[in-house]
Amino acid sequence: MSDLSLEELESIVAERKRIERARAFVEADETRRFNPITIEPGAAPRKPRRRRGWRDKILLLVEVAAVLGLLGIIAVAFGNLQALNLEFAQSLRTSPQTQDAQPVTNVAAAPVQPVGELPGSSFPPAASAELPGASAPPDALPASIGVNVQPAPALPPPTPGLQSPTRIVIPAIGVDWPIVPGDGWEELKRGVGHHSGSANPGERGNMILSGHNDVFGEVFKDLEVLKDGDEIQVYAGGRSFKYQVRAKRIVSPNELSVLLPTREPVVTLITCHPYRVDTHRLVVIAQLIP
């Protein structure tokens, strides 16, 4: 140090002061940029809240009102449809024509070859090509139904002129409706339809009855609730015939084998399925009991 001149000593002191100022500036800048944050255990960091403007609030209210309005329209439409079905069913039950209905006598009606789709659709008929039925023989129930019933080889041939069905009662689901000849769109507006050419109550063969499940009174709405052993009563005028449920199946609308005649005295009930979707048919098979 004694060998240095006064100018050199002053230069060294000035350089050290410059270094110390630069270091102090850097430390002060780092302290300003990175302030330490203390987070308590279990506490989530708070996110800055975004203030909503009055336009955003109005748009939110409009969206909520639109959703509530749509739900209200759906609820009102559903309620009106249910009320219309109840009113239709009530008017049908109290109609003088229904109360005074007399049995209709068939004169050797020939079986009708099934074509097109199964009856009971909830939609108006549309033009469609004829579809062939299944190849099941007429002396047995269709294989697609899977019903095992006792054969009746000793039964005599059916006698022409038996009375046609006029009323159906199903106590398990509260059904008590008139039966009308035919099962087209117009016929099913007036009651349960009896398929032309099918068997009559008590007669050996396949008696086919169809009804709607979600329009014109919803007569067969609860048909899927039926189980094996449930009773179905079919009237021909004042005479009652009892059937017991043996099988229940869901088939496509063109499964026409369920319309084929049988040797055993059975009743086949047909309606749309599922409820308000109506892409398939629900088929219930019941056998005549003493």
Protein backbone atom coordinates (compact mmCIF):
# COMPACT_ATOMS: atom_id res chain seq x y z
CA MET A 1 0.00 0.00 0.00
CA SER A 2 2.92 2.34 0.62
CA ASP A 3 4.05 1.99 -2.96
CA LEU A 4 0.78 3.40 -4.32
CA SER A 5 0.48 6.99 -5.15
CA LEU A 6 -2.27 9.25 -3.88
CA GLU A 7 -4.03 9.23 -7.26
CA GLU A 8 -4.07 5.41 -7.36
CA LEU A 9 -5.46 5.21 -3.81
CA GLU A 10 -8.27 7.63 -4.70
CA SER A 11 -9.06 5.61 -7.84
CA ILE A 12 -9.30 2.37 -5.82
CA VAL A 13 -11.58 3.98 -3.23
CA ALA A 14 -13.85 5.42 -5.97
CA GLU A 15 -14.08 1.99 -7.65
CA ARG A 16 -15.09 0.28 -4.43
CA LYS A 17 -17.74 2.92 -3.75
CA ARG A 18 -19.16 2.38 -7.26
CA ILE A 19 -19.32 -1.39 -6.71
CA GLU A 20 -21.06 -0.93 -3.36
CA ARG A 21 -23.68 1.44 -4.89
CA ALA A 22 -24.36 -1.00 -7.75
CA ARG A 23 -24.80 -3.90 -5.30
CA ALA A 24 -27.13 -1.86 -3.10
CA PHE A 25 -29.24 -0.91 -6.15
CA VAL A 26 -29.57 -4.51 -7.28
CA GLU A 27 -30.62 -5.68 -3.82
CA ALA A 28 -33.19 -2.90 -3.51
CA ASP A 29 -34.65 -3.74 -6.97
CA GLU A 30 -34.99 -7.45 -6.14
CA THR A 31 -36.78 -6.54 -2.90
CA ARG A 32 -39.31 -4.41 -4.79
CA ARG A 33 -40.02 -7.10 -7.47
CA PHE A 34 -40.35 -10.23 -5.37
CA ASN A 35 -42.25 -9.57 -2.21
CA PRO A 36 -42.58 -12.72 -0.13
CA ILE A 37 -46.17 -14.10 0.25
CA THR A 38 -47.20 -16.12 3.26
CA ILE A 39 -49.90 -18.75 2.61
CA GLU A 40 -51.61 -20.34 5.55
CA PRO A 41 -52.04 -24.13 5.42
CA GLY A 42 -55.38 -25.15 3.86
CA ALA A 43 -56.21 -21.69 2.56
CA ALA A 44 -56.63 -21.38 -1.23
CA PRO A 45 -55.16 -18.32 -2.88
CA ARG A 46 -57.76 -15.74 -3.74
CA LYS A 47 -58.38 -15.02 -7.38
CA PRO A 48 -58.96 -11.50 -8.41
CA ARG A 49 -62.68 -10.84 -8.91
CA ARG A 50 -63.86 -9.74 -12.27
CA ARG A 51 -66.44 -7.08 -12.06
CA ARG A 52 -69.48 -7.72 -14.24
CA GLY A 53 -70.81 -4.84 -16.18
CA TRP A 54 -74.49 -4.06 -16.40
CA ARG A 55 -74.59 -5.54 -19.90
CA ASP A 56 -73.35 -8.91 -18.67
CA LYS A 57 -75.95 -8.93 -15.92
CA ILE A 58 -78.76 -8.15 -18.37
CA LEU A 59 -77.63 -10.94 -20.73
CA LEU A 60 -77.52 -13.41 -17.84
CA LEU A 61 -81.06 -12.48 -16.80
CA VAL A 62 -82.29 -12.87 -20.39
CA GLU A 63 -80.74 -16.36 -20.65
CA VAL A 64 -82.27 -17.46 -17.35
CA ALA A 65 -85.69 -16.10 -18.39
CA ALA A 66 -85.47 -17.93 -21.74
CA VAL A 67 -84.69 -21.26 -20.07
CA LEU A 68 -87.51 -20.84 -17.56
CA GLY A 69 -89.91 -19.89 -20.35
CA LEU A 70 -88.99 -22.99 -22.37
CA LEU A 71 -89.48 -25.25 -19.36
CA GLY A 72 -92.84 -23.60 -18.71
CA ILE A 73 -93.98 -24.17 -22.30
CA ILE A 74 -92.99 -27.85 -22.10
CA ALA A 75 -94.80 -28.28 -18.78
CA VAL A 76 -97.97 -26.60 -20.09
CA ALA A 77 -97.94 -28.68 -23.29
CA PHE A 78 -97.50 -31.90 -21.33
CA GLY A 79 -100.28 -30.92 -18.94
CA ASN A 80 -102.62 -30.08 -21.81
CA LEU A 81 -101.92 -33.42 -23.46
CA GLN A 82 -102.61 -35.30 -20.23
CA ALA A 83 -105.84 -33.35 -19.69
CA LEU A 84 -106.91 -34.02 -23.28
CA ASN A 85 -106.32 -37.74 -22.89
CA LEU A 86 -108.28 -37.84 -19.63
CA GLU A 87 -111.13 -35.86 -21.15
CA PHE A 88 -111.19 -38.13 -24.20
CA ALA A 89 -111.25 -41.26 -22.05
CA GLN A 90 -114.03 -39.87 -19.87
CA SER A 91 -116.15 -38.86 -22.83
CA LEU A 92 -115.66 -42.27 -24.40
CA ARG A 93 -116.76 -44.07 -21.24
CA THR A 94 -119.86 -41.91 -20.81
CA SER A 95 -120.87 -41.90 -24.49
CA PRO A 96 -124.41 -43.21 -25.03
CA GLN A 97 -123.19 -45.13 -28.03
CA THR A 98 -120.71 -46.98 -25.80
CA GLN A 99 -123.21 -47.66 -23.03
CA ASP A 100 -125.81 -49.06 -25.38
CA ALA A 101 -123.38 -51.01 -27.56
CA GLN A 102 -124.80 -54.31 -28.76
CA PRO A 103 -122.77 -57.38 -29.70
CA VAL A 104 -121.91 -57.68 -33.37
CA THR A 105 -122.25 -61.01 -35.08
CA ASN A 106 -119.60 -62.15 -37.55
CA VAL A 107 -120.60 -64.26 -40.49
CA ALA A 108 -117.71 -66.65 -41.19
CA ALA A 109 -115.10 -63.90 -41.39
CA ALA A 110 -112.05 -65.05 -43.33
CA PRO A 111 -108.61 -64.51 -41.74
CA VAL A 112 -106.87 -61.47 -43.13
CA GLN A 113 -103.26 -61.88 -44.28
CA PRO A 114 -101.11 -59.50 -42.19
CA VAL A 115 -99.31 -56.83 -44.22
CA GLY A 116 -97.51 -53.60 -43.42
CA GLU A 117 -96.95 -52.76 -39.75
CA LEU A 118 -98.54 -53.92 -36.52
CA PRO A 119 -101.58 -51.92 -35.40
CA GLY A 120 -101.58 -49.60 -32.41
CA SER A 121 -99.22 -46.92 -33.74
CA SER A 122 -99.46 -43.45 -32.17
CA PHE A 123 -98.72 -41.83 -35.52
CA PRO A 124 -101.08 -41.42 -38.50
CA PRO A 125 -100.66 -44.08 -41.19
CA ALA A 126 -98.14 -43.50 -43.96
CA ALA A 127 -97.75 -45.23 -47.30
CA SER A 128 -95.51 -48.30 -46.99
CA ALA A 129 -94.74 -51.44 -48.96
CA GLU A 130 -96.31 -54.73 -48.00
CA LEU A 131 -94.15 -56.81 -45.69
CA PRO A 132 -94.33 -60.62 -45.51
CA GLY A 133 -95.22 -62.29 -42.22
CA ALA A 134 -93.21 -64.97 -40.44
CA SER A 135 -93.17 -68.59 -41.54
CA ALA A 136 -94.61 -69.99 -38.30
CA PRO A 137 -97.28 -72.64 -38.98
CA PRO A 138 -100.87 -71.73 -38.10
CA ASP A 139 -101.17 -74.61 -35.64
CA ALA A 140 -98.77 -73.06 -33.10
CA LEU A 141 -98.00 -69.72 -31.54
CA PRO A 142 -95.28 -67.73 -33.34
CA ALA A 143 -91.77 -68.72 -32.24
CA SER A 144 -90.86 -65.10 -31.53
CA ILE A 145 -93.46 -64.97 -28.74
CA GLY A 146 -92.06 -67.91 -26.81
CA VAL A 147 -95.35 -68.94 -25.18
CA ASN A 148 -95.86 -72.52 -24.06
CA VAL A 149 -99.57 -73.29 -23.78
CA GLN A 150 -101.42 -76.56 -23.57
CA PRO A 151 -102.52 -77.94 -26.95
CA ALA A 152 -106.21 -78.56 -27.52
CA PRO A 153 -106.47 -81.33 -30.16
CA ALA A 154 -109.92 -82.38 -29.00
CA LEU A 155 -111.53 -78.97 -29.57
CA PRO A 156 -114.15 -78.99 -32.31
CA PRO A 157 -113.80 -76.57 -35.23
CA PRO A 158 -114.97 -73.04 -34.38
CA THR A 159 -118.61 -72.38 -35.05
CA PRO A 160 -119.26 -69.48 -37.46
CA GLY A 161 -121.37 -66.65 -36.10
CA LEU A 162 -119.84 -66.18 -32.64
CA GLN A 163 -120.33 -62.74 -31.13
CA SER A 164 -117.61 -60.17 -31.65
CA PRO A 165 -115.87 -58.52 -28.67
CA THR A 166 -117.50 -55.37 -27.33
CA ARG A 167 -115.60 -54.56 -24.13
CA ILE A 168 -112.26 -55.26 -22.42
CA VAL A 169 -111.57 -55.10 -18.68
CA ILE A 170 -108.07 -55.46 -17.15
CA PRO A 171 -108.41 -55.05 -13.36
CA ALA A 172 -104.63 -54.97 -12.69
CA ILE A 173 -104.19 -51.70 -14.59
CA GLY A 174 -107.68 -50.21 -14.32
CA VAL A 175 -108.72 -50.65 -17.96
CA ASP A 176 -112.42 -50.76 -18.85
CA TRP A 177 -112.90 -49.76 -22.49
CA PRO A 178 -115.19 -50.52 -25.42
CA ILE A 179 -113.95 -52.61 -28.31
CA VAL A 180 -114.67 -51.51 -31.88
CA PRO A 181 -114.39 -53.47 -35.14
CA GLY A 182 -111.10 -52.78 -36.97
CA ASP A 183 -107.76 -51.45 -35.75
CA GLY A 184 -106.96 -48.63 -38.17
CA TRP A 185 -106.10 -45.07 -37.20
CA GLU A 186 -109.73 -43.88 -37.18
CA GLU A 187 -111.05 -46.96 -35.35
CA LEU A 188 -108.52 -46.65 -32.50
CA LYS A 189 -109.80 -43.13 -31.81
CA ARG A 190 -113.08 -44.70 -30.62
CA GLY A 191 -111.76 -47.56 -28.49
CA VAL A 192 -109.70 -50.74 -28.49
CA GLY A 193 -109.59 -52.17 -32.01
CA HIS A 194 -110.45 -55.76 -32.92
CA HIS A 195 -108.30 -56.94 -35.83
CA SER A 196 -110.50 -57.89 -38.78
CA GLY A 197 -110.65 -61.65 -39.31
CA SER A 198 -109.09 -62.57 -35.97
CA ALA A 199 -110.83 -64.81 -33.44
CA ASN A 200 -113.77 -63.79 -31.26
CA PRO A 201 -113.99 -64.18 -27.45
CA GLY A 202 -113.96 -67.82 -26.39
CA GLU A 203 -113.22 -68.97 -29.93
CA ARG A 204 -110.21 -71.12 -30.71
CA GLY A 205 -107.64 -68.92 -32.42
CA ASN A 206 -105.80 -65.64 -32.00
CA MET A 207 -107.99 -62.68 -30.98
CA ILE A 208 -105.98 -59.51 -31.70
CA LEU A 209 -106.82 -56.31 -29.81
CA SER A 210 -104.89 -53.03 -30.24
CA GLY A 211 -104.89 -49.67 -28.49
CA HIS A 212 -102.87 -46.49 -28.09
CA ASN A 213 -100.54 -45.86 -25.16
CA ASP A 214 -100.07 -42.06 -25.31
CA VAL A 215 -102.92 -40.57 -27.38
CA PHE A 216 -106.72 -40.79 -27.50
CA GLY A 217 -107.12 -41.74 -23.86
CA GLU A 218 -103.93 -43.79 -23.38
CA VAL A 219 -105.94 -46.98 -22.96
CA PHE A 220 -102.87 -49.29 -22.99
CA LYS A 221 -100.44 -46.91 -21.25
CA ASP A 222 -99.79 -49.36 -18.38
CA LEU A 223 -99.85 -52.55 -20.42
CA GLU A 224 -96.17 -53.19 -19.65
CA VAL A 225 -97.04 -53.46 -15.94
CA LEU A 226 -98.96 -56.71 -16.54
CA LYS A 227 -97.28 -59.88 -15.35
CA ASP A 228 -97.85 -63.59 -15.80
CA GLY A 229 -101.14 -64.72 -14.27
CA ASP A 230 -102.91 -61.36 -14.48
CA GLU A 231 -106.50 -61.61 -15.69
CA ILE A 232 -107.97 -60.06 -18.83
CA GLN A 233 -111.74 -60.08 -19.32
CA VAL A 234 -113.18 -59.73 -22.81
CA TYR A 235 -116.93 -59.30 -23.23
CA ALA A 236 -119.14 -60.24 -26.14
CA GLY A 237 -122.30 -58.41 -25.26
CA GLY A 238 -123.23 -59.52 -21.77
CA ARG A 239 -121.07 -62.66 -21.80
CA SER A 240 -117.59 -62.53 -20.23
CA PHE A 241 -114.52 -64.57 -21.22
CA LYS A 242 -111.45 -64.70 -18.97
CA TYR A 243 -107.85 -64.89 -20.15
CA GLN A 244 -104.60 -65.18 -18.18
CA VAL A 245 -101.37 -63.46 -19.21
CA ARG A 246 -98.76 -65.96 -20.39
CA ALA A 247 -96.08 -63.81 -22.04
CA LYS A 248 -94.97 -60.27 -22.76
CA ARG A 249 -92.61 -59.26 -25.56
CA ILE A 250 -91.21 -56.13 -27.24
CA VAL A 251 -90.98 -56.49 -31.01
CA SER A 252 -90.37 -54.32 -34.06
CA PRO A 253 -93.42 -52.83 -35.85
CA ASN A 254 -93.01 -55.23 -38.77
CA GLU A 255 -92.98 -58.41 -36.64
CA LEU A 256 -96.20 -59.56 -38.25
CA SER A 257 -95.98 -63.12 -36.96
CA VAL A 258 -97.91 -62.04 -33.86
CA LEU A 259 -100.97 -61.59 -36.09
CA LEU A 260 -100.99 -65.17 -37.35
CA PRO A 261 -103.81 -67.54 -36.27
CA THR A 262 -103.25 -70.16 -33.55
CA ARG A 263 -104.85 -73.42 -32.49
CA GLU A 264 -105.19 -72.33 -28.88
CA PRO A 265 -107.76 -69.72 -27.78
CA VAL A 266 -105.59 -66.70 -26.96
CA VAL A 267 -105.86 -62.92 -26.97
CA THR A 268 -102.98 -60.76 -28.24
CA LEU A 269 -102.82 -57.16 -26.96
CA ILE A 270 -100.69 -54.72 -28.98
CA THR A 271 -99.60 -51.15 -28.27
CA CYS A 272 -96.67 -48.83 -28.96
CA HIS A 273 -93.47 -48.86 -26.90
CA PRO A 274 -91.71 -47.10 -25.22
CA TYR A 275 -94.09 -44.49 -23.86
CA ARG A 276 -94.05 -41.33 -26.06
CA VAL A 277 -91.18 -42.78 -28.15
CA ASP A 278 -93.16 -45.46 -30.01
CA THR A 279 -90.34 -47.07 -31.99
CA HIS A 280 -91.44 -50.63 -31.14
CA ARG A 281 -94.53 -52.60 -30.16
CA LEU A 282 -95.38 -54.15 -26.83
CA VAL A 283 -97.19 -57.48 -27.24
CA VAL A 284 -99.03 -59.27 -24.41
CA ILE A 285 -100.30 -62.83 -24.92
CA ALA A 286 -103.03 -64.29 -22.67
CA GLN A 287 -104.69 -67.72 -22.80
CA LEU A 288 -108.37 -68.51 -22.31
CA ILE A 289 -109.18 -70.06 -18.92
CA PRO A 290 -112.39 -71.76 -17.74
